[in-house]
Amino acid sequence: MGAAMGSQRQLAGDKAARIVDEAVVDVLFSLGNGLAMRMLPEPERDVMPTIQAGTMCVHALLDEPA
C-alpha cells in the first residue's frame, strides 16, 4: 500500500508540475508578444531597458527556487 500511495503522490506532483510548466510557457509567450507590440509602433524607441527587464522576468520564471 505504501508504494501505491507513493506512486499516486508522484503522479499528482507530475501533473502539478506540468500545469505550472504550461502556465510559465503562457506567460513567456505573452511577455514576448507584449514586447513586440510595444516595440513595433515606435522603431526609434530605445528598447534596451525594456528588454533587460523582460530578461530579468524570464530568469525569475525559469530559475530553480533557492
Protein backbone atom coordinates (compact mmCIF):
# COMPACT_ATOMS: atom_id res chain seq x y z
CA MET A 1 0.00 0.00 0.00
CA GLY A 2 2.89 2.36 0.73
CA ALA A 3 4.27 2.04 -2.81
CA ALA A 4 0.87 2.73 -4.34
CA MET A 5 0.44 5.86 -2.24
CA GLY A 6 3.91 6.99 -3.27
CA SER A 7 3.07 6.44 -6.95
CA GLN A 8 -0.16 8.41 -6.63
CA ARG A 9 1.69 11.28 -4.98
CA GLN A 10 4.31 11.25 -7.73
CA LEU A 11 1.63 11.30 -10.44
CA ALA A 12 -0.12 14.19 -8.70
CA GLY A 13 3.20 16.01 -8.44
CA ASP A 14 3.96 15.38 -12.12
CA LYS A 15 0.54 16.74 -13.11
CA ALA A 16 1.03 19.83 -10.94
CA ALA A 17 4.48 20.39 -12.44
CA ARG A 18 3.05 20.08 -15.96
CA ILE A 19 0.34 22.63 -15.16
CA VAL A 20 2.94 25.02 -13.78
CA ASP A 21 5.14 24.47 -16.86
CA GLU A 22 2.21 25.25 -19.17
CA ALA A 23 1.45 28.41 -17.20
CA VAL A 24 5.07 29.54 -17.47
CA VAL A 25 5.01 28.95 -21.22
CA ASP A 26 1.84 31.05 -21.48
CA VAL A 27 3.47 33.88 -19.54
CA LEU A 28 6.63 33.74 -21.68
CA PHE A 29 4.62 33.89 -24.91
CA SER A 30 2.56 36.77 -23.53
CA LEU A 31 5.68 38.64 -22.49
CA GLY A 32 7.21 38.20 -25.94
CA ASN A 33 4.03 39.27 -27.71
CA GLY A 34 3.62 42.26 -25.46
CA LEU A 35 7.19 43.39 -26.02
CA ALA A 36 6.80 43.05 -29.77
CA MET A 37 3.56 45.06 -29.74
CA ARG A 38 5.29 47.74 -27.69
CA MET A 39 8.34 47.95 -29.97
CA LEU A 40 6.77 47.75 -33.43
CA PRO A 41 4.89 51.08 -33.46
CA GLU A 42 7.96 53.03 -32.26
CA PRO A 43 11.05 51.67 -34.03
CA GLU A 44 13.13 54.67 -32.89
CA ARG A 45 12.43 53.97 -29.22
CA ASP A 46 15.31 52.70 -27.05
CA VAL A 47 14.00 49.29 -26.04
CA MET A 48 17.12 48.03 -24.25
CA PRO A 49 15.80 48.82 -20.71
CA THR A 50 12.56 47.01 -21.56
CA ILE A 51 14.43 44.00 -22.92
CA GLN A 52 16.63 43.91 -19.81
CA ALA A 53 13.55 43.98 -17.57
CA GLY A 54 11.96 41.21 -19.65
CA THR A 55 15.14 39.16 -19.35
CA MET A 56 15.03 39.51 -15.57
CA CYS A 57 11.41 38.29 -15.59
CA VAL A 58 12.29 35.27 -17.73
CA HIS A 59 15.17 34.35 -15.42
CA ALA A 60 12.88 34.61 -12.40
CA LEU A 61 10.38 32.26 -14.03
CA LEU A 62 12.92 29.69 -15.21
CA ASP A 63 15.39 29.61 -12.32
CA GLU A 64 15.01 26.94 -9.68
CA PRO A 65 14.00 28.26 -6.27
CA ALA A 66 16.92 28.61 -3.87
